[in-house]
Amino acid sequence: MARQSISFTKPNDEWLKTQVDNQEYSSKSELVNDLIRQARSQQVQIDWIKSKLDKAENSGFTSDTKSEILKQSKANLNG
């Protein structure tokens, strides 16, 4: 495992210490690694949503009415 040296602001350091003191994590390193894993997971979800939005934006406009769009959406959801 790569070893790093990082600095924290006082409030962040106190929060990290509290988590370790409450035995939520065994060390600050474990906590920071968990936070990074969570951020990476969130980024995967953000990227997926962004790709769906990009696809929708690039698909162009429609002349369908609201009721036609709703009917198509329901049909897609119901298979």
C-alpha atoms as a PDB file:
ATOM      1  CA  MET A   1       0.000   0.000   0.000  1.00  0.00           C
ATOM      2  CA  ALA A   2       1.283   3.453  -0.890  1.00  0.00           C
ATOM      3  CA  ARG A   3       2.124   5.674   2.044  1.00  0.00           C
ATOM      4  CA  GLN A   4       1.146   9.343   1.938  1.00  0.00           C
ATOM      5  CA  SER A   5       1.501  12.318   4.217  1.00  0.00           C
ATOM      6  CA  ILE A   6      -1.452  14.695   4.218  1.00  0.00           C
ATOM      7  CA  SER A   7      -2.556  17.628   6.330  1.00  0.00           C
ATOM      8  CA  PHE A   8      -6.065  18.326   7.605  1.00  0.00           C
ATOM      9  CA  THR A   9      -7.756  21.458   8.806  1.00  0.00           C
ATOM     10  CA  LYS A  10      -8.399  21.463  12.535  1.00  0.00           C
ATOM     11  CA  PRO A  11     -12.170  20.753  12.215  1.00  0.00           C
ATOM     12  CA  ASN A  12     -11.541  17.879   9.813  1.00  0.00           C
ATOM     13  CA  ASP A  13      -8.826  16.420  12.015  1.00  0.00           C
ATOM     14  CA  GLU A  14     -11.095  16.625  15.072  1.00  0.00           C
ATOM     15  CA  TRP A  15     -13.884  14.878  13.138  1.00  0.00           C
ATOM     16  CA  LEU A  16     -11.490  12.121  12.064  1.00  0.00           C
ATOM     17  CA  LYS A  17     -10.277  11.676  15.643  1.00  0.00           C
ATOM     18  CA  THR A  18     -13.871  11.474  16.889  1.00  0.00           C
ATOM     19  CA  GLN A  19     -14.692   8.715  14.407  1.00  0.00           C
ATOM     20  CA  VAL A  20     -11.661   6.720  15.517  1.00  0.00           C
ATOM     21  CA  ASP A  21     -12.347   7.422  19.213  1.00  0.00           C
ATOM     22  CA  ASN A  22     -15.943   6.201  18.746  1.00  0.00           C
ATOM     23  CA  GLN A  23     -14.479   3.026  17.274  1.00  0.00           C
ATOM     24  CA  GLU A  24     -16.239   3.599  13.952  1.00  0.00           C
ATOM     25  CA  TYR A  25     -12.837   3.009  12.371  1.00  0.00           C
ATOM     26  CA  SER A  26      -9.610   1.628  13.740  1.00  0.00           C
ATOM     27  CA  SER A  27      -7.469   4.426  12.278  1.00  0.00           C
ATOM     28  CA  LYS A  28      -7.608   7.658  10.334  1.00  0.00           C
ATOM     29  CA  SER A  29      -6.116   5.831   7.355  1.00  0.00           C
ATOM     30  CA  GLU A  30      -8.950   3.323   7.332  1.00  0.00           C
ATOM     31  CA  LEU A  31     -11.480   6.157   7.494  1.00  0.00           C
ATOM     32  CA  VAL A  32      -9.843   8.170   4.709  1.00  0.00           C
ATOM     33  CA  ASN A  33      -9.665   5.065   2.494  1.00  0.00           C
ATOM     34  CA  ASP A  34     -13.366   4.412   3.138  1.00  0.00           C
ATOM     35  CA  LEU A  35     -14.256   8.004   2.254  1.00  0.00           C
ATOM     36  CA  ILE A  36     -12.269   7.703  -0.984  1.00  0.00           C
ATOM     37  CA  ARG A  37     -14.043   4.417  -1.857  1.00  0.00           C
ATOM     38  CA  GLN A  38     -17.401   6.119  -1.276  1.00  0.00           C
ATOM     39  CA  ALA A  39     -16.397   9.090  -3.446  1.00  0.00           C
ATOM     40  CA  ARG A  40     -15.266   6.759  -6.233  1.00  0.00           C
ATOM     41  CA  SER A  41     -18.561   4.880  -6.071  1.00  0.00           C
ATOM     42  CA  GLN A  42     -20.497   8.139  -6.209  1.00  0.00           C
ATOM     43  CA  GLN A  43     -18.441   9.218  -9.223  1.00  0.00           C
ATOM     44  CA  VAL A  44     -19.434   6.035 -11.068  1.00  0.00           C
ATOM     45  CA  GLN A  45     -23.092   6.882 -10.423  1.00  0.00           C
ATOM     46  CA  ILE A  46     -22.587  10.513 -11.466  1.00  0.00           C
ATOM     47  CA  ASP A  47     -20.871   9.412 -14.676  1.00  0.00           C
ATOM     48  CA  TRP A  48     -23.759   7.021 -15.464  1.00  0.00           C
ATOM     49  CA  ILE A  49     -26.355   9.756 -14.920  1.00  0.00           C
ATOM     50  CA  LYS A  50     -24.306  12.213 -16.966  1.00  0.00           C
ATOM     51  CA  SER A  51     -24.075   9.767 -19.864  1.00  0.00           C
ATOM     52  CA  LYS A  52     -27.868   9.287 -19.773  1.00  0.00           C
ATOM     53  CA  LEU A  53     -28.407  13.064 -19.743  1.00  0.00           C
ATOM     54  CA  ASP A  54     -25.935  13.557 -22.597  1.00  0.00           C
ATOM     55  CA  LYS A  55     -27.675  10.867 -24.627  1.00  0.00           C
ATOM     56  CA  ALA A  56     -31.062  12.460 -23.978  1.00  0.00           C
ATOM     57  CA  GLU A  57     -29.817  15.946 -24.889  1.00  0.00           C
ATOM     58  CA  ASN A  58     -28.268  14.652 -28.104  1.00  0.00           C
ATOM     59  CA  SER A  59     -31.389  12.771 -29.157  1.00  0.00           C
ATOM     60  CA  GLY A  60     -33.045  15.992 -30.273  1.00  0.00           C
ATOM     61  CA  PHE A  61     -36.469  17.462 -29.831  1.00  0.00           C
ATOM     62  CA  THR A  62     -39.827  15.791 -30.264  1.00  0.00           C
ATOM     63  CA  SER A  63     -43.153  17.015 -31.542  1.00  0.00           C
ATOM     64  CA  ASP A  64     -45.004  14.447 -29.409  1.00  0.00           C
ATOM     65  CA  THR A  65     -47.581  15.734 -26.962  1.00  0.00           C
ATOM     66  CA  LYS A  66     -47.242  15.301 -23.202  1.00  0.00           C
ATOM     67  CA  SER A  67     -49.784  12.498 -23.236  1.00  0.00           C
ATOM     68  CA  GLU A  68     -47.925  10.694 -26.044  1.00  0.00           C
ATOM     69  CA  ILE A  69     -44.636  10.984 -24.168  1.00  0.00           C
ATOM     70  CA  LEU A  70     -46.289   9.700 -20.981  1.00  0.00           C
ATOM     71  CA  LYS A  71     -47.834   6.772 -22.874  1.00  0.00           C
ATOM     72  CA  GLN A  72     -44.422   5.875 -24.395  1.00  0.00           C
ATOM     73  CA  SER A  73     -42.719   6.137 -21.001  1.00  0.00           C
ATOM     74  CA  LYS A  74     -45.282   3.851 -19.375  1.00  0.00           C
ATOM     75  CA  ALA A  75     -44.954   1.365 -22.222  1.00  0.00           C
ATOM     76  CA  ASN A  76     -41.149   1.339 -21.795  1.00  0.00           C
ATOM     77  CA  LEU A  77     -41.476   0.781 -18.041  1.00  0.00           C
ATOM     78  CA  ASN A  78     -43.987  -2.040 -18.452  1.00  0.00           C
ATOM     79  CA  GLY A  79     -41.935  -3.788 -21.105  1.00  0.00           C
END
